[in-house]
Each structure stands twice: as structure tokens, then as C-alpha cells.
């Protein structure tokens, strides 16, 4: 199994999001990202850590107590993925504006 690599160091919106949520929530989110990198996307889907939103756009799911965090990401090539941004989920369905933001960041990154 190829290990997964998530890139997010140069993505300002994700760094800002991590800094804006409670420390315990950001720790849990980073732990899930680490587990996905270790066990792979297929296992992450089985564990419901990730969900496909549309073609080449996915979300990482994290919940701690009543706090529900989501992180949008896309695949660059092979085992490399880029995290676009995060948000706190307040409703059942992923908001369209968050999907559009992920698509915009993906488009800018790939251009």
C-alpha cells in the first residue's frame, strides 16, 4: 500500500481555520489526517473519515463532542493530496459555498 501525503503548509485558509478552532478540535482533526496518511484512502472511507463530494473533491470528517469539522481536499497526482480549507459544519449537507471554495482553490493550485 502506498502511503498518502497531504499537503497543507502553503494553504493559508487551512492554517487560519486550524488556528480558529479549539485546540482539542484541531488536534483531533490533525490526528485523523495522520491516520488517513498511515492507513490510506480506502480504509478512511470504510471508517467514514472521508467522503467524496464530486469528481476529485473530497472531505475529511472530524467530530469531537458537538463540534463537527470538515476539511476539503483534492488529489494532485498519485498519492499526493492538497487540503484546501476547513469549516465547522452546522447542517446535514455540505454547504455549496464550501464546495465552490474548494473548487476555486483547486483550480488556482492546478493552474
N, C-alpha and C. Protein backbone atom coordinates (compact mmCIF):
# COMPACT_ATOMS: atom_id res chain seq x y z
N UNK A 1 0.84 -1.19 0.00
CA UNK A 1 0.00 0.00 0.00
C UNK A 1 0.88 1.25 0.00
N UNK A 2 0.59 2.15 -0.91
CA UNK A 2 1.30 3.43 -0.98
C UNK A 2 0.82 4.34 0.13
N UNK A 3 1.75 5.01 0.77
CA UNK A 3 1.31 5.95 1.81
C UNK A 3 0.78 7.22 1.15
N UNK A 4 -0.15 7.84 1.83
CA UNK A 4 -0.80 9.06 1.36
C UNK A 4 -0.06 10.26 1.93
N UNK A 5 0.04 11.31 1.13
CA UNK A 5 0.67 12.54 1.60
C UNK A 5 -0.32 13.68 1.41
N UNK A 6 -0.66 14.33 2.52
CA UNK A 6 -1.50 15.52 2.46
C UNK A 6 -0.60 16.75 2.56
N UNK A 7 -0.82 17.71 1.67
CA UNK A 7 -0.09 18.98 1.71
C UNK A 7 -1.06 20.06 2.16
N UNK A 8 -0.60 20.87 3.10
CA UNK A 8 -1.44 22.00 3.53
C UNK A 8 -0.63 23.14 4.10
N UNK A 9 0.68 23.00 4.16
CA UNK A 9 1.52 24.03 4.76
C UNK A 9 1.41 25.37 4.05
N UNK A 10 1.25 25.35 2.73
CA UNK A 10 1.18 26.60 1.97
C UNK A 10 -0.24 27.07 1.72
N UNK A 11 -1.20 26.41 2.32
CA UNK A 11 -2.61 26.77 2.14
C UNK A 11 -3.03 27.61 3.34
N UNK A 12 -3.03 28.92 3.16
CA UNK A 12 -3.30 29.86 4.26
C UNK A 12 -4.68 29.64 4.87
N UNK A 13 -5.69 29.41 4.04
CA UNK A 13 -7.05 29.27 4.57
C UNK A 13 -7.16 28.09 5.53
N UNK A 14 -6.44 27.00 5.28
CA UNK A 14 -6.50 25.86 6.19
C UNK A 14 -5.75 26.17 7.49
N UNK A 15 -4.61 26.81 7.39
CA UNK A 15 -3.85 27.19 8.60
C UNK A 15 -4.67 28.13 9.47
N UNK A 16 -5.34 29.09 8.84
CA UNK A 16 -6.19 30.03 9.59
C UNK A 16 -7.33 29.28 10.28
N UNK A 17 -7.91 28.32 9.57
CA UNK A 17 -9.00 27.54 10.16
C UNK A 17 -8.51 26.76 11.39
N UNK A 18 -7.38 26.09 11.26
CA UNK A 18 -6.83 25.34 12.40
C UNK A 18 -6.61 26.24 13.61
N UNK A 19 -6.15 27.46 13.36
CA UNK A 19 -5.91 28.40 14.46
C UNK A 19 -7.19 28.97 15.05
N UNK A 20 -8.30 28.87 14.31
CA UNK A 20 -9.55 29.48 14.77
C UNK A 20 -10.42 28.54 15.61
N UNK A 21 -10.16 27.25 15.55
CA UNK A 21 -10.99 26.29 16.29
C UNK A 21 -10.30 25.92 17.60
N UNK A 22 -11.05 25.37 18.56
CA UNK A 22 -10.44 24.97 19.83
C UNK A 22 -9.27 23.99 19.60
N UNK A 23 -8.27 24.09 20.45
CA UNK A 23 -7.06 23.27 20.31
C UNK A 23 -7.39 21.78 20.23
N UNK A 24 -8.28 21.31 21.09
CA UNK A 24 -8.63 19.88 21.09
C UNK A 24 -9.25 19.46 19.76
N UNK A 25 -10.01 20.36 19.14
CA UNK A 25 -10.61 20.05 17.84
C UNK A 25 -9.55 19.99 16.74
N UNK A 26 -8.60 20.92 16.77
CA UNK A 26 -7.56 20.90 15.74
C UNK A 26 -6.64 19.69 15.93
N UNK A 27 -6.38 19.30 17.18
CA UNK A 27 -5.57 18.11 17.44
C UNK A 27 -6.28 16.87 16.87
N UNK A 28 -7.57 16.74 17.12
CA UNK A 28 -8.34 15.60 16.62
C UNK A 28 -8.33 15.57 15.10
N UNK A 29 -8.51 16.72 14.48
CA UNK A 29 -8.51 16.81 13.02
C UNK A 29 -7.15 16.38 12.45
N UNK A 30 -6.08 16.87 13.03
CA UNK A 30 -4.74 16.50 12.56
C UNK A 30 -4.45 15.02 12.80
N UNK A 31 -5.01 14.45 13.87
CA UNK A 31 -4.86 13.01 14.12
C UNK A 31 -5.55 12.20 13.02
N UNK A 32 -6.72 12.63 12.62
CA UNK A 32 -7.44 11.92 11.55
C UNK A 32 -6.67 12.02 10.24
N UNK A 33 -6.12 13.19 9.94
CA UNK A 33 -5.31 13.35 8.73
C UNK A 33 -4.12 12.39 8.78
N UNK A 34 -3.49 12.30 9.93
CA UNK A 34 -2.35 11.39 10.11
C UNK A 34 -2.77 9.92 9.92
N UNK A 35 -3.93 9.55 10.45
CA UNK A 35 -4.43 8.18 10.29
C UNK A 35 -4.71 7.86 8.82
N UNK A 36 -5.26 8.83 8.10
CA UNK A 36 -5.53 8.62 6.67
C UNK A 36 -4.21 8.44 5.92
N UNK A 37 -3.21 9.24 6.27
CA UNK A 37 -1.90 9.10 5.63
C UNK A 37 -1.31 7.72 5.91
N UNK A 38 -1.53 7.22 7.11
CA UNK A 38 -0.97 5.92 7.51
C UNK A 38 -1.72 4.74 6.89
N UNK A 39 -3.06 4.77 6.93
CA UNK A 39 -3.85 3.61 6.51
C UNK A 39 -4.41 3.69 5.10
N UNK A 40 -4.42 4.88 4.49
CA UNK A 40 -4.86 5.01 3.11
C UNK A 40 -6.32 5.43 2.96
N UNK A 41 -6.65 5.83 1.75
CA UNK A 41 -7.97 6.37 1.44
C UNK A 41 -9.06 5.30 1.56
N UNK A 42 -8.80 4.09 1.09
CA UNK A 42 -9.85 3.05 1.15
C UNK A 42 -10.26 2.76 2.59
N UNK A 43 -9.29 2.63 3.47
CA UNK A 43 -9.61 2.40 4.88
C UNK A 43 -10.32 3.61 5.48
N UNK A 44 -9.90 4.80 5.07
CA UNK A 44 -10.53 6.03 5.57
C UNK A 44 -12.00 6.10 5.17
N UNK A 45 -12.30 5.64 3.96
CA UNK A 45 -13.70 5.62 3.51
C UNK A 45 -14.51 4.61 4.32
N UNK A 46 -13.92 3.45 4.60
CA UNK A 46 -14.61 2.44 5.42
C UNK A 46 -14.89 2.97 6.82
N UNK A 47 -13.95 3.72 7.37
CA UNK A 47 -14.09 4.26 8.72
C UNK A 47 -14.92 5.55 8.74
N UNK A 48 -15.34 6.00 7.55
CA UNK A 48 -16.12 7.23 7.37
C UNK A 48 -15.36 8.48 7.83
N UNK A 49 -14.03 8.43 7.64
CA UNK A 49 -13.21 9.62 7.89
C UNK A 49 -13.24 10.54 6.68
N UNK A 50 -13.55 9.98 5.51
CA UNK A 50 -13.59 10.77 4.28
C UNK A 50 -14.88 10.49 3.52
N UNK A 51 -15.20 11.44 2.64
CA UNK A 51 -16.39 11.29 1.79
C UNK A 51 -16.13 12.02 0.48
N UNK A 52 -16.52 11.39 -0.63
CA UNK A 52 -16.39 12.03 -1.93
C UNK A 52 -17.53 13.01 -2.10
N UNK A 53 -17.20 14.25 -2.49
CA UNK A 53 -18.22 15.27 -2.73
C UNK A 53 -18.59 15.33 -4.20
N UNK A 54 -17.58 15.28 -5.06
CA UNK A 54 -17.76 15.25 -6.51
C UNK A 54 -16.44 14.85 -7.12
N UNK A 55 -16.33 14.90 -8.44
CA UNK A 55 -15.11 14.46 -9.10
C UNK A 55 -13.89 15.22 -8.56
N UNK A 56 -12.94 14.48 -8.01
CA UNK A 56 -11.69 15.00 -7.45
C UNK A 56 -11.90 16.08 -6.39
N UNK A 57 -12.91 15.93 -5.59
CA UNK A 57 -13.13 16.83 -4.44
C UNK A 57 -13.76 16.00 -3.32
N UNK A 58 -13.10 16.02 -2.18
CA UNK A 58 -13.48 15.15 -1.06
C UNK A 58 -13.49 15.95 0.23
N UNK A 59 -14.05 15.34 1.29
CA UNK A 59 -13.98 15.97 2.60
C UNK A 59 -13.48 14.97 3.63
N UNK A 60 -12.72 15.50 4.58
CA UNK A 60 -12.30 14.75 5.77
C UNK A 60 -13.29 15.14 6.86
N UNK A 61 -13.73 14.15 7.62
CA UNK A 61 -14.76 14.37 8.63
C UNK A 61 -14.17 14.17 10.02
N UNK A 62 -14.45 15.12 10.90
CA UNK A 62 -13.98 15.02 12.28
C UNK A 62 -15.08 15.52 13.21
N UNK A 63 -15.26 14.80 14.30
CA UNK A 63 -16.27 15.22 15.27
C UNK A 63 -15.70 15.01 16.67
N UNK A 64 -15.81 16.04 17.49
CA UNK A 64 -15.42 15.95 18.90
C UNK A 64 -16.53 16.60 19.70
N UNK A 65 -17.26 15.79 20.43
CA UNK A 65 -18.43 16.31 21.14
C UNK A 65 -19.47 16.76 20.13
N UNK A 66 -19.95 17.98 20.31
CA UNK A 66 -20.93 18.52 19.36
C UNK A 66 -20.26 19.33 18.25
N UNK A 67 -18.93 19.42 18.27
CA UNK A 67 -18.20 20.16 17.25
C UNK A 67 -17.91 19.25 16.06
N UNK A 68 -18.35 19.69 14.89
CA UNK A 68 -18.19 18.90 13.67
C UNK A 68 -17.34 19.71 12.69
N UNK A 69 -16.13 19.21 12.41
CA UNK A 69 -15.24 19.89 11.48
C UNK A 69 -15.18 19.11 10.17
N UNK A 70 -15.06 19.86 9.09
CA UNK A 70 -14.87 19.28 7.78
C UNK A 70 -13.71 19.98 7.10
N UNK A 71 -12.97 19.20 6.31
CA UNK A 71 -11.83 19.72 5.57
C UNK A 71 -11.98 19.25 4.13
N UNK A 72 -11.87 20.17 3.19
CA UNK A 72 -11.98 19.84 1.76
C UNK A 72 -10.58 19.58 1.21
N UNK A 73 -10.47 18.56 0.36
CA UNK A 73 -9.18 18.27 -0.26
C UNK A 73 -9.38 17.70 -1.66
N UNK A 74 -8.29 17.67 -2.44
CA UNK A 74 -8.33 17.09 -3.78
C UNK A 74 -7.03 16.35 -4.05
N UNK A 75 -7.07 15.50 -5.05
CA UNK A 75 -5.89 14.72 -5.43
C UNK A 75 -5.11 15.48 -6.49
N UNK A 76 -3.79 15.53 -6.31
CA UNK A 76 -2.93 16.19 -7.28
C UNK A 76 -2.42 15.15 -8.27
N UNK A 77 -1.70 14.17 -7.77
CA UNK A 77 -1.16 13.09 -8.60
C UNK A 77 -0.77 11.93 -7.68
N UNK A 78 -0.91 10.72 -8.18
CA UNK A 78 -0.56 9.52 -7.42
C UNK A 78 -1.12 9.57 -6.00
N UNK A 79 -0.22 9.64 -5.03
CA UNK A 79 -0.63 9.61 -3.62
C UNK A 79 -0.57 10.99 -2.96
N UNK A 80 -0.49 12.05 -3.75
CA UNK A 80 -0.41 13.41 -3.21
C UNK A 80 -1.77 14.08 -3.24
N UNK A 81 -2.14 14.65 -2.09
CA UNK A 81 -3.41 15.34 -1.94
C UNK A 81 -3.16 16.71 -1.33
N UNK A 82 -4.01 17.68 -1.66
CA UNK A 82 -3.88 19.03 -1.12
C UNK A 82 -5.16 19.38 -0.37
N UNK A 83 -5.00 19.84 0.86
CA UNK A 83 -6.13 20.31 1.66
C UNK A 83 -6.37 21.77 1.31
N UNK A 84 -7.60 22.11 0.94
CA UNK A 84 -7.90 23.48 0.53
C UNK A 84 -8.28 24.37 1.70
N UNK A 85 -9.20 23.88 2.54
CA UNK A 85 -9.66 24.70 3.66
C UNK A 85 -10.52 23.84 4.58
N UNK A 86 -10.87 24.40 5.71
CA UNK A 86 -11.73 23.71 6.66
C UNK A 86 -12.89 24.59 7.06
N UNK A 87 -13.91 23.96 7.62
CA UNK A 87 -15.06 24.72 8.12
C UNK A 87 -15.77 23.89 9.18
N UNK A 88 -16.53 24.57 10.02
CA UNK A 88 -17.33 23.90 11.03
C UNK A 88 -18.71 23.68 10.46
N UNK A 89 -19.13 22.44 10.47
CA UNK A 89 -20.39 22.07 9.85
C UNK A 89 -21.54 22.31 10.81
N UNK A 90 -22.59 22.94 10.30
CA UNK A 90 -23.75 23.26 11.12
C UNK A 90 -25.03 22.61 10.59
N UNK A 91 -24.93 21.97 9.43
CA UNK A 91 -26.11 21.35 8.84
C UNK A 91 -25.75 19.99 8.27
N UNK A 92 -26.75 19.23 7.87
CA UNK A 92 -26.55 17.87 7.39
C UNK A 92 -25.72 17.82 6.11
N UNK A 93 -26.07 18.66 5.15
CA UNK A 93 -25.42 18.65 3.84
C UNK A 93 -24.24 19.62 3.82
N UNK A 94 -23.18 19.26 3.07
CA UNK A 94 -22.04 20.16 2.92
C UNK A 94 -22.50 21.40 2.15
N UNK A 95 -22.31 22.60 2.72
CA UNK A 95 -22.76 23.83 2.05
C UNK A 95 -22.12 24.01 0.67
N UNK A 96 -22.93 24.42 -0.29
CA UNK A 96 -22.46 24.63 -1.66
C UNK A 96 -21.32 25.64 -1.72
N UNK A 97 -21.37 26.67 -0.87
CA UNK A 97 -20.30 27.69 -0.90
C UNK A 97 -18.96 27.08 -0.50
N UNK A 98 -18.97 26.07 0.38
CA UNK A 98 -17.71 25.41 0.78
C UNK A 98 -17.17 24.55 -0.36
N UNK A 99 -18.06 23.89 -1.08
CA UNK A 99 -17.65 23.09 -2.24
C UNK A 99 -17.08 24.01 -3.31
N UNK A 100 -17.74 25.14 -3.56
CA UNK A 100 -17.26 26.10 -4.56
C UNK A 100 -15.90 26.67 -4.16
N UNK A 101 -15.70 26.95 -2.88
CA UNK A 101 -14.41 27.45 -2.41
C UNK A 101 -13.32 26.41 -2.65
N UNK A 102 -13.61 25.16 -2.36
CA UNK A 102 -12.65 24.08 -2.62
C UNK A 102 -12.30 23.98 -4.09
N UNK A 103 -13.32 24.09 -4.95
CA UNK A 103 -13.09 24.02 -6.39
C UNK A 103 -12.24 25.20 -6.87
N UNK A 104 -12.49 26.38 -6.32
CA UNK A 104 -11.72 27.57 -6.71
C UNK A 104 -10.25 27.41 -6.31
N UNK A 105 -10.00 26.96 -5.09
CA UNK A 105 -8.62 26.77 -4.62
C UNK A 105 -7.94 25.68 -5.45
N UNK A 106 -8.66 24.61 -5.75
CA UNK A 106 -8.11 23.53 -6.59
C UNK A 106 -7.72 24.06 -7.96
N UNK A 107 -8.62 24.83 -8.58
CA UNK A 107 -8.37 25.40 -9.91
C UNK A 107 -7.12 26.29 -9.88
N UNK A 108 -7.02 27.16 -8.87
CA UNK A 108 -5.86 28.05 -8.76
C UNK A 108 -4.58 27.26 -8.52
N UNK A 109 -4.66 26.21 -7.74
CA UNK A 109 -3.48 25.39 -7.44
C UNK A 109 -2.98 24.67 -8.68
N UNK A 110 -3.91 24.13 -9.46
CA UNK A 110 -3.53 23.32 -10.62
C UNK A 110 -3.16 24.15 -11.84
N UNK A 111 -3.52 25.44 -11.85
CA UNK A 111 -3.17 26.31 -13.00
C UNK A 111 -1.72 26.72 -12.97
